[in-house]
Amino acid sequence: MRFRPCIDLHGGRVKQIVGATLSDRPGAAPVTNFVSDRRPSWYADLYRRDGLTGGHVILLGPGNEAAAAETLAAWPGGLQVGGGVTAANARSWLERGAAKVIVTSFLFDGPCLVQERVDALLQAVGRDHLVLDLSCRRLPDGGYRVATDRWQTLTELRVDHVTLARLAAHCSEFLIHAVDVEGKQAGIDGDLVALLADGCPIPVTYAGGARSWGDLHQIENLGRGRVDFTVGSALDLFGGTGLRYADLVAWNQERR
């Protein structure tokens, strides 16, 4: 279990946003927890110096391509990139320095997963360079379904043992946000962490709600040390007060 850093881009700047509040509706503004006055490449260089591999650069909507390219150039091969990635542009992101591409919405036609699109991505970049983002919402029955289009569309694809086993053959790892708690600093979704530990045969990173050391120890226990994690709004690096970046760097160093 290790800490994976993140760089979320919105309007070309590093921000921490409650992801579930992103919307395509005209005039709709997301709930924003933090806006950085530093360039995104500053964060990439920091992660590089601290040896934090496997981090995520996420483009939250249009207008972030230049910022993402700048970020990747600061640490070629050190970061993954997601947000608007398709079979047509995935290879170009690797050429600009991404270690892997992260894909969600392209895989779906409305609510349905399209296997041909999965195959097209594999053809474009190969399994070792592909991360599938199965960020999901909790259902009334306690299960989970993948949400796409900046989490505005609830698909038919359940996140369960069957789905994880099937899709693991087509990617090198999963990234999974708990949409209902992401950005709210209200605690993690422990049931989802336990599900990932039980059903995921490849590396997986959980994101959503982590706000304290108690939450991280809960991820470690429920995830049986098999589930990596990322921290956003609670991190002092992004204006938070719950967790210190330097402490998480030390966490990783202790587990090497």
C-alpha atoms as a PDB file:
ATOM      1  CA  MET A   1       0.000   0.000   0.000  1.00  0.00           C
ATOM      2  CA  ARG A   2       1.436   3.346  -1.006  1.00  0.00           C
ATOM      3  CA  PHE A   3       0.492   6.975  -1.450  1.00  0.00           C
ATOM      4  CA  ARG A   4      -0.078   8.056  -5.055  1.00  0.00           C
ATOM      5  CA  PRO A   5       0.060  11.835  -5.664  1.00  0.00           C
ATOM      6  CA  CYS A   6      -2.364  13.726  -7.888  1.00  0.00           C
ATOM      7  CA  ILE A   7      -2.505  16.878 -10.001  1.00  0.00           C
ATOM      8  CA  ASP A   8      -6.071  17.850 -10.927  1.00  0.00           C
ATOM      9  CA  LEU A   9      -6.342  20.436 -13.697  1.00  0.00           C
ATOM     10  CA  HIS A  10      -9.376  22.660 -14.258  1.00  0.00           C
ATOM     11  CA  GLY A  11      -9.248  25.725 -16.492  1.00  0.00           C
ATOM     12  CA  GLY A  12      -5.498  25.166 -16.886  1.00  0.00           C
ATOM     13  CA  ARG A  13      -4.812  25.492 -13.151  1.00  0.00           C
ATOM     14  CA  VAL A  14      -4.231  23.050 -10.308  1.00  0.00           C
ATOM     15  CA  LYS A  15      -7.418  22.803  -8.279  1.00  0.00           C
ATOM     16  CA  GLN A  16      -9.201  20.574  -5.809  1.00  0.00           C
ATOM     17  CA  ILE A  17     -12.851  20.225  -6.793  1.00  0.00           C
ATOM     18  CA  VAL A  18     -15.749  18.186  -5.466  1.00  0.00           C
ATOM     19  CA  GLY A  19     -15.872  16.056  -8.591  1.00  0.00           C
ATOM     20  CA  ALA A  20     -19.562  15.229  -8.350  1.00  0.00           C
ATOM     21  CA  THR A  21     -20.354  18.942  -8.791  1.00  0.00           C
ATOM     22  CA  LEU A  22     -18.784  19.154 -12.257  1.00  0.00           C
ATOM     23  CA  SER A  23     -21.469  19.773 -14.856  1.00  0.00           C
ATOM     24  CA  ASP A  24     -21.904  20.569 -18.546  1.00  0.00           C
ATOM     25  CA  ARG A  25     -24.864  22.840 -17.787  1.00  0.00           C
ATOM     26  CA  PRO A  26     -24.255  26.442 -18.930  1.00  0.00           C
ATOM     27  CA  GLY A  27     -23.232  28.632 -16.032  1.00  0.00           C
ATOM     28  CA  ALA A  28     -22.896  25.747 -13.582  1.00  0.00           C
ATOM     29  CA  ALA A  29     -19.815  26.215 -11.395  1.00  0.00           C
ATOM     30  CA  PRO A  30     -18.249  23.297  -9.489  1.00  0.00           C
ATOM     31  CA  VAL A  31     -17.631  23.411  -5.764  1.00  0.00           C
ATOM     32  CA  THR A  32     -13.940  24.270  -5.474  1.00  0.00           C
ATOM     33  CA  ASN A  33     -11.919  23.568  -2.330  1.00  0.00           C
ATOM     34  CA  PHE A  34      -8.554  24.907  -3.512  1.00  0.00           C
ATOM     35  CA  VAL A  35      -6.959  26.853  -6.369  1.00  0.00           C
ATOM     36  CA  SER A  36      -3.156  26.854  -6.559  1.00  0.00           C
ATOM     37  CA  ASP A  37      -1.026  29.869  -7.428  1.00  0.00           C
ATOM     38  CA  ARG A  38       1.735  27.528  -8.610  1.00  0.00           C
ATOM     39  CA  ARG A  39       2.182  26.138 -12.090  1.00  0.00           C
ATOM     40  CA  PRO A  40       1.248  22.456 -12.483  1.00  0.00           C
ATOM     41  CA  SER A  41       4.834  21.622 -13.455  1.00  0.00           C
ATOM     42  CA  TRP A  42       5.921  22.697  -9.943  1.00  0.00           C
ATOM     43  CA  TYR A  43       3.961  19.778  -8.485  1.00  0.00           C
ATOM     44  CA  ALA A  44       5.379  17.326 -11.018  1.00  0.00           C
ATOM     45  CA  ASP A  45       8.911  18.418 -10.157  1.00  0.00           C
ATOM     46  CA  LEU A  46       8.152  18.060  -6.437  1.00  0.00           C
ATOM     47  CA  TYR A  47       6.863  14.511  -6.917  1.00  0.00           C
ATOM     48  CA  ARG A  48       9.909  13.684  -9.038  1.00  0.00           C
ATOM     49  CA  ARG A  49      12.336  14.904  -6.360  1.00  0.00           C
ATOM     50  CA  ASP A  50      10.473  12.953  -3.682  1.00  0.00           C
ATOM     51  CA  GLY A  51      10.351   9.762  -5.751  1.00  0.00           C
ATOM     52  CA  LEU A  52       6.535   9.497  -5.823  1.00  0.00           C
ATOM     53  CA  THR A  53       5.818   7.296  -8.815  1.00  0.00           C
ATOM     54  CA  GLY A  54       2.425   6.319 -10.226  1.00  0.00           C
ATOM     55  CA  GLY A  55       0.783   9.714  -9.702  1.00  0.00           C
ATOM     56  CA  HIS A  56      -2.173  10.973 -11.718  1.00  0.00           C
ATOM     57  CA  VAL A  57      -2.623  14.090 -13.831  1.00  0.00           C
ATOM     58  CA  ILE A  58      -6.365  14.474 -14.421  1.00  0.00           C
ATOM     59  CA  LEU A  59      -7.860  16.914 -16.956  1.00  0.00           C
ATOM     60  CA  LEU A  60     -11.208  18.036 -15.574  1.00  0.00           C
ATOM     61  CA  GLY A  61     -12.830  19.209 -18.785  1.00  0.00           C
ATOM     62  CA  PRO A  62     -11.485  21.135 -21.808  1.00  0.00           C
ATOM     63  CA  GLY A  63      -8.807  23.812 -21.716  1.00  0.00           C
ATOM     64  CA  ASN A  64      -6.238  21.751 -19.833  1.00  0.00           C
ATOM     65  CA  GLU A  65      -4.176  20.195 -22.618  1.00  0.00           C
ATOM     66  CA  ALA A  66      -1.322  22.717 -22.513  1.00  0.00           C
ATOM     67  CA  ALA A  67      -1.100  22.547 -18.721  1.00  0.00           C
ATOM     68  CA  ALA A  68      -1.047  18.750 -18.845  1.00  0.00           C
ATOM     69  CA  ALA A  69       1.693  18.717 -21.481  1.00  0.00           C
ATOM     70  CA  GLU A  70       3.764  21.099 -19.346  1.00  0.00           C
ATOM     71  CA  THR A  71       3.267  18.882 -16.322  1.00  0.00           C
ATOM     72  CA  LEU A  72       4.337  15.713 -18.116  1.00  0.00           C
ATOM     73  CA  ALA A  73       7.389  17.471 -19.560  1.00  0.00           C
ATOM     74  CA  ALA A  74       8.532  18.252 -16.014  1.00  0.00           C
ATOM     75  CA  TRP A  75       8.773  14.526 -15.277  1.00  0.00           C
ATOM     76  CA  PRO A  76       8.791  12.385 -18.431  1.00  0.00           C
ATOM     77  CA  GLY A  77       7.707   8.833 -17.630  1.00  0.00           C
ATOM     78  CA  GLY A  78       6.811   9.647 -14.041  1.00  0.00           C
ATOM     79  CA  LEU A  79       3.094  10.418 -14.205  1.00  0.00           C
ATOM     80  CA  GLN A  80      -0.100   9.005 -15.647  1.00  0.00           C
ATOM     81  CA  VAL A  81      -2.627  11.183 -17.474  1.00  0.00           C
ATOM     82  CA  GLY A  82      -6.406  10.954 -17.799  1.00  0.00           C
ATOM     83  CA  GLY A  83      -9.355  13.026 -18.900  1.00  0.00           C
ATOM     84  CA  GLY A  84     -10.568  12.991 -22.485  1.00  0.00           C
ATOM     85  CA  VAL A  85      -8.233  10.154 -23.495  1.00  0.00           C
ATOM     86  CA  THR A  86      -9.390   8.127 -26.514  1.00  0.00           C
ATOM     87  CA  ALA A  87      -7.900   5.521 -28.807  1.00  0.00           C
ATOM     88  CA  ALA A  88      -7.103   8.353 -31.236  1.00  0.00           C
ATOM     89  CA  ASN A  89      -5.027  10.482 -28.846  1.00  0.00           C
ATOM     90  CA  ALA A  90      -3.740   7.958 -26.278  1.00  0.00           C
ATOM     91  CA  ARG A  91      -0.454   7.344 -28.073  1.00  0.00           C
ATOM     92  CA  SER A  92       0.213  11.095 -28.303  1.00  0.00           C
ATOM     93  CA  TRP A  93       0.004  11.406 -24.522  1.00  0.00           C
ATOM     94  CA  LEU A  94       2.638   8.704 -24.128  1.00  0.00           C
ATOM     95  CA  GLU A  95       4.812  10.558 -26.624  1.00  0.00           C
ATOM     96  CA  ARG A  96       4.433  13.711 -24.513  1.00  0.00           C
ATOM     97  CA  GLY A  97       5.796  11.894 -21.479  1.00  0.00           C
ATOM     98  CA  ALA A  98       2.936  10.075 -19.773  1.00  0.00           C
ATOM     99  CA  ALA A  99       3.880   6.751 -18.201  1.00  0.00           C
ATOM    100  CA  LYS A 100       0.331   5.474 -18.754  1.00  0.00           C
ATOM    101  CA  VAL A 101      -3.030   6.765 -19.927  1.00  0.00           C
ATOM    102  CA  ILE A 102      -6.160   6.629 -17.761  1.00  0.00           C
ATOM    103  CA  VAL A 103      -9.463   6.071 -19.544  1.00  0.00           C
ATOM    104  CA  THR A 104     -13.135   6.018 -18.582  1.00  0.00           C
ATOM    105  CA  SER A 105     -15.723   7.781 -20.729  1.00  0.00           C
ATOM    106  CA  PHE A 106     -14.323   6.697 -24.108  1.00  0.00           C
ATOM    107  CA  LEU A 107     -15.029   3.086 -23.180  1.00  0.00           C
ATOM    108  CA  PHE A 108     -18.785   3.690 -23.082  1.00  0.00           C
ATOM    109  CA  ASP A 109     -21.552   4.442 -25.540  1.00  0.00           C
ATOM    110  CA  GLY A 110     -24.066   6.035 -23.205  1.00  0.00           C
ATOM    111  CA  PRO A 111     -24.513   3.573 -20.340  1.00  0.00           C
ATOM    112  CA  CYS A 112     -22.957   0.586 -22.132  1.00  0.00           C
ATOM    113  CA  LEU A 113     -19.342  -0.578 -22.122  1.00  0.00           C
ATOM    114  CA  VAL A 114     -18.128  -1.148 -25.692  1.00  0.00           C
ATOM    115  CA  GLN A 115     -15.567  -3.938 -25.951  1.00  0.00           C
ATOM    116  CA  GLU A 116     -14.402  -2.705 -29.355  1.00  0.00           C
ATOM    117  CA  ARG A 117     -13.247   0.526 -27.723  1.00  0.00           C
ATOM    118  CA  VAL A 118     -11.308  -1.388 -25.105  1.00  0.00           C
ATOM    119  CA  ASP A 119      -9.667  -3.355 -27.914  1.00  0.00           C
ATOM    120  CA  ALA A 120      -8.855  -0.141 -29.791  1.00  0.00           C
ATOM    121  CA  LEU A 121      -7.051   1.267 -26.766  1.00  0.00           C
ATOM    122  CA  LEU A 122      -5.077  -1.928 -26.361  1.00  0.00           C
ATOM    123  CA  GLN A 123      -4.085  -1.699 -29.998  1.00  0.00           C
ATOM    124  CA  ALA A 124      -3.040   1.926 -29.548  1.00  0.00           C
ATOM    125  CA  VAL A 125      -0.946   1.725 -26.361  1.00  0.00           C
ATOM    126  CA  GLY A 126      -0.852  -1.867 -25.089  1.00  0.00           C
ATOM    127  CA  ARG A 127      -1.996  -3.292 -21.774  1.00  0.00           C
ATOM    128  CA  ASP A 128       1.090  -2.156 -19.836  1.00  0.00           C
ATOM    129  CA  HIS A 129       0.347   1.510 -20.585  1.00  0.00           C
ATOM    130  CA  LEU A 130      -3.393   1.416 -19.906  1.00  0.00           C
ATOM    131  CA  VAL A 131      -5.205   2.275 -16.658  1.00  0.00           C
ATOM    132  CA  LEU A 132      -8.978   1.877 -16.486  1.00  0.00           C
ATOM    133  CA  ASP A 133     -10.795   4.378 -14.301  1.00  0.00           C
ATOM    134  CA  LEU A 134     -13.863   2.688 -12.824  1.00  0.00           C
ATOM    135  CA  SER A 135     -14.904   5.582 -10.585  1.00  0.00           C
ATOM    136  CA  CYS A 136     -18.328   4.737  -9.271  1.00  0.00           C
ATOM    137  CA  ARG A 137     -21.457   5.748  -7.398  1.00  0.00           C
ATOM    138  CA  ARG A 138     -23.035   3.698  -4.651  1.00  0.00           C
ATOM    139  CA  LEU A 139     -26.450   2.140  -5.390  1.00  0.00           C
ATOM    140  CA  PRO A 140     -29.395   1.779  -2.993  1.00  0.00           C
ATOM    141  CA  ASP A 141     -28.723  -1.961  -2.854  1.00  0.00           C
ATOM    142  CA  GLY A 142     -25.169  -1.341  -1.629  1.00  0.00           C
ATOM    143  CA  GLY A 143     -23.500  -2.121  -4.954  1.00  0.00           C
ATOM    144  CA  TYR A 144     -21.629   0.258  -7.254  1.00  0.00           C
ATOM    145  CA  ARG A 145     -21.921   1.369 -10.866  1.00  0.00           C
ATOM    146  CA  VAL A 146     -19.369   3.242 -12.979  1.00  0.00           C
ATOM    147  CA  ALA A 147     -20.045   6.946 -13.591  1.00  0.00           C
ATOM    148  CA  THR A 148     -18.683   8.656 -16.730  1.00  0.00           C
ATOM    149  CA  ASP A 149     -18.635  12.106 -18.382  1.00  0.00           C
ATOM    150  CA  ARG A 150     -17.114  13.772 -15.312  1.00  0.00           C
ATOM    151  CA  TRP A 151     -19.381  11.529 -13.227  1.00  0.00           C
ATOM    152  CA  GLN A 152     -22.598  12.931 -14.701  1.00  0.00           C
ATOM    153  CA  THR A 153     -23.702   9.679 -16.423  1.00  0.00           C
ATOM    154  CA  LEU A 154     -24.417   6.527 -14.440  1.00  0.00           C
ATOM    155  CA  THR A 155     -23.619   3.499 -16.599  1.00  0.00           C
ATOM    156  CA  GLU A 156     -24.902  -0.059 -16.484  1.00  0.00           C
ATOM    157  CA  LEU A 157     -21.478  -1.443 -15.527  1.00  0.00           C
ATOM    158  CA  ARG A 158     -21.310  -2.679 -11.950  1.00  0.00           C
ATOM    159  CA  VAL A 159     -18.035  -2.563 -10.066  1.00  0.00           C
ATOM    160  CA  ASP A 160     -17.878  -6.051  -8.611  1.00  0.00           C
ATOM    161  CA  HIS A 161     -15.664  -9.125  -8.594  1.00  0.00           C
ATOM    162  CA  VAL A 162     -16.822 -10.205 -12.051  1.00  0.00           C
ATOM    163  CA  THR A 163     -16.133  -6.839 -13.702  1.00  0.00           C
ATOM    164  CA  LEU A 164     -12.768  -6.396 -12.006  1.00  0.00           C
ATOM    165  CA  ALA A 165     -11.601  -9.866 -13.044  1.00  0.00           C
ATOM    166  CA  ARG A 166     -12.808  -9.416 -16.628  1.00  0.00           C
ATOM    167  CA  LEU A 167     -11.309  -5.978 -17.223  1.00  0.00           C
ATOM    168  CA  ALA A 168      -8.039  -6.782 -15.438  1.00  0.00           C
ATOM    169  CA  ALA A 169      -7.057  -8.775 -18.508  1.00  0.00           C
ATOM    170  CA  HIS A 170      -7.138  -5.568 -20.554  1.00  0.00           C
ATOM    171  CA  CYS A 171      -5.201  -3.093 -18.389  1.00  0.00           C
ATOM    172  CA  SER A 172      -2.259  -2.853 -16.003  1.00  0.00           C
ATOM    173  CA  GLU A 173      -4.117  -1.214 -13.104  1.00  0.00           C
ATOM    174  CA  PHE A 174      -7.333   0.455 -11.971  1.00  0.00           C
ATOM    175  CA  LEU A 175      -8.043   3.917 -10.597  1.00  0.00           C
ATOM    176  CA  ILE A 176     -11.312   4.099  -8.665  1.00  0.00           C
ATOM    177  CA  HIS A 177     -12.819   7.210  -7.096  1.00  0.00           C
ATOM    178  CA  ALA A 178     -15.665   6.836  -4.633  1.00  0.00           C
ATOM    179  CA  VAL A 179     -17.769   9.528  -6.292  1.00  0.00           C
ATOM    180  CA  ASP A 180     -20.190  10.033  -3.410  1.00  0.00           C
ATOM    181  CA  VAL A 181     -17.461  11.017  -0.935  1.00  0.00           C
ATOM    182  CA  GLU A 182     -14.753  12.424  -3.214  1.00  0.00           C
ATOM    183  CA  GLY A 183     -13.655  15.951  -2.308  1.00  0.00           C
ATOM    184  CA  LYS A 184     -15.879  16.162   0.775  1.00  0.00           C
ATOM    185  CA  GLN A 185     -13.283  15.212   3.444  1.00  0.00           C
ATOM    186  CA  ALA A 186     -15.993  13.236   5.209  1.00  0.00           C
ATOM    187  CA  GLY A 187     -14.277   9.860   5.434  1.00  0.00           C
ATOM    188  CA  ILE A 188     -13.656   7.018   3.017  1.00  0.00           C
ATOM    189  CA  ASP A 189     -16.027   4.434   1.574  1.00  0.00           C
ATOM    190  CA  GLY A 190     -14.780   1.431   3.489  1.00  0.00           C
ATOM    191  CA  ASP A 191     -17.077  -1.023   1.706  1.00  0.00           C
ATOM    192  CA  LEU A 192     -15.569  -0.064  -1.639  1.00  0.00           C
ATOM    193  CA  VAL A 193     -12.017  -0.434  -0.320  1.00  0.00           C
ATOM    194  CA  ALA A 194     -12.854  -3.915   0.980  1.00  0.00           C
ATOM    195  CA  LEU A 195     -14.411  -4.848  -2.366  1.00  0.00           C
ATOM    196  CA  LEU A 196     -11.270  -3.773  -4.207  1.00  0.00           C
ATOM    197  CA  ALA A 197      -9.050  -5.776  -1.879  1.00  0.00           C
ATOM    198  CA  ASP A 198     -11.172  -8.893  -2.351  1.00  0.00           C
ATOM    199  CA  GLY A 199     -11.851  -8.679  -6.071  1.00  0.00           C
ATOM    200  CA  CYS A 200      -9.008  -6.859  -7.793  1.00  0.00           C
ATOM    201  CA  PRO A 201      -6.257  -9.079  -9.263  1.00  0.00           C
ATOM    202  CA  ILE A 202      -4.057  -6.168 -10.426  1.00  0.00           C
ATOM    203  CA  PRO A 203      -2.809  -2.947  -8.752  1.00  0.00           C
ATOM    204  CA  VAL A 204      -5.582  -0.521  -7.799  1.00  0.00           C
ATOM    205  CA  THR A 205      -5.676   3.004  -6.405  1.00  0.00           C
ATOM    206  CA  TYR A 206      -8.589   4.214  -4.298  1.00  0.00           C
ATOM    207  CA  ALA A 207      -9.532   7.899  -4.090  1.00  0.00           C
ATOM    208  CA  GLY A 208     -12.222   9.666  -2.116  1.00  0.00           C
ATOM    209  CA  GLY A 209     -12.838  11.126   1.322  1.00  0.00           C
ATOM    210  CA  ALA A 210      -9.481  10.498   3.018  1.00  0.00           C
ATOM    211  CA  ARG A 211      -9.040  13.211   5.643  1.00  0.00           C
ATOM    212  CA  SER A 212      -6.894  11.801   8.475  1.00  0.00           C
ATOM    213  CA  TRP A 213      -4.452   9.122   9.554  1.00  0.00           C
ATOM    214  CA  GLY A 214      -7.423   7.179  10.834  1.00  0.00           C
ATOM    215  CA  ASP A 215      -8.779   6.990   7.286  1.00  0.00           C
ATOM    216  CA  LEU A 216      -5.432   5.827   5.938  1.00  0.00           C
ATOM    217  CA  HIS A 217      -5.168   3.089   8.544  1.00  0.00           C
ATOM    218  CA  GLN A 218      -8.717   2.058   7.642  1.00  0.00           C
ATOM    219  CA  ILE A 219      -7.683   1.769   3.990  1.00  0.00           C
ATOM    220  CA  GLU A 220      -4.662  -0.283   5.060  1.00  0.00           C
ATOM    221  CA  ASN A 221      -6.752  -2.635   7.184  1.00  0.00           C
ATOM    222  CA  LEU A 222      -9.769  -3.037   4.889  1.00  0.00           C
ATOM    223  CA  GLY A 223      -7.545  -3.144   1.832  1.00  0.00           C
ATOM    224  CA  ARG A 224      -5.205  -5.672   3.474  1.00  0.00           C
ATOM    225  CA  GLY A 225      -2.248  -3.621   2.242  1.00  0.00           C
ATOM    226  CA  ARG A 226      -3.225  -4.254  -1.384  1.00  0.00           C
ATOM    227  CA  VAL A 227      -4.994  -0.967  -2.192  1.00  0.00           C
ATOM    228  CA  ASP A 228      -3.002   2.196  -2.921  1.00  0.00           C
ATOM    229  CA  PHE A 229      -4.538   5.583  -2.118  1.00  0.00           C
ATOM    230  CA  THR A 230      -4.469   9.228  -3.112  1.00  0.00           C
ATOM    231  CA  VAL A 231      -5.300  12.311  -1.058  1.00  0.00           C
ATOM    232  CA  GLY A 232      -6.621  15.599  -2.409  1.00  0.00           C
ATOM    233  CA  SER A 233      -8.420  18.324  -0.486  1.00  0.00           C
ATOM    234  CA  ALA A 234      -7.270  17.178   2.980  1.00  0.00           C
ATOM    235  CA  LEU A 235      -3.588  17.466   2.029  1.00  0.00           C
ATOM    236  CA  ASP A 236      -1.661  20.540   3.215  1.00  0.00           C
ATOM    237  CA  LEU A 237      -0.150  20.743  -0.274  1.00  0.00           C
ATOM    238  CA  PHE A 238      -3.641  21.683  -1.486  1.00  0.00           C
ATOM    239  CA  GLY A 239      -4.667  23.891   1.418  1.00  0.00           C
ATOM    240  CA  GLY A 240      -5.926  21.089   3.659  1.00  0.00           C
ATOM    241  CA  THR A 241      -5.239  20.528   7.343  1.00  0.00           C
ATOM    242  CA  GLY A 242      -5.881  16.808   7.822  1.00  0.00           C
ATOM    243  CA  LEU A 243      -2.709  15.292   6.358  1.00  0.00           C
ATOM    244  CA  ARG A 244       0.826  16.536   5.717  1.00  0.00           C
ATOM    245  CA  TYR A 245       2.494  15.881   2.372  1.00  0.00           C
ATOM    246  CA  ALA A 246       5.874  15.314   4.056  1.00  0.00           C
ATOM    247  CA  ASP A 247       4.355  12.597   6.241  1.00  0.00           C
ATOM    248  CA  LEU A 248       2.971  10.754   3.213  1.00  0.00           C
ATOM    249  CA  VAL A 249       6.344  10.921   1.488  1.00  0.00           C
ATOM    250  CA  ALA A 250       7.808   9.312   4.619  1.00  0.00           C
ATOM    251  CA  TRP A 251       5.002   6.705   4.559  1.00  0.00           C
ATOM    252  CA  ASN A 252       6.123   5.591   1.095  1.00  0.00           C
ATOM    253  CA  GLN A 253       9.801   5.571   2.030  1.00  0.00           C
ATOM    254  CA  GLU A 254       9.081   3.316   5.005  1.00  0.00           C
ATOM    255  CA  ARG A 255       7.338   0.809   2.722  1.00  0.00           C
ATOM    256  CA  ARG A 256       9.967   0.489   0.033  1.00  0.00           C
END
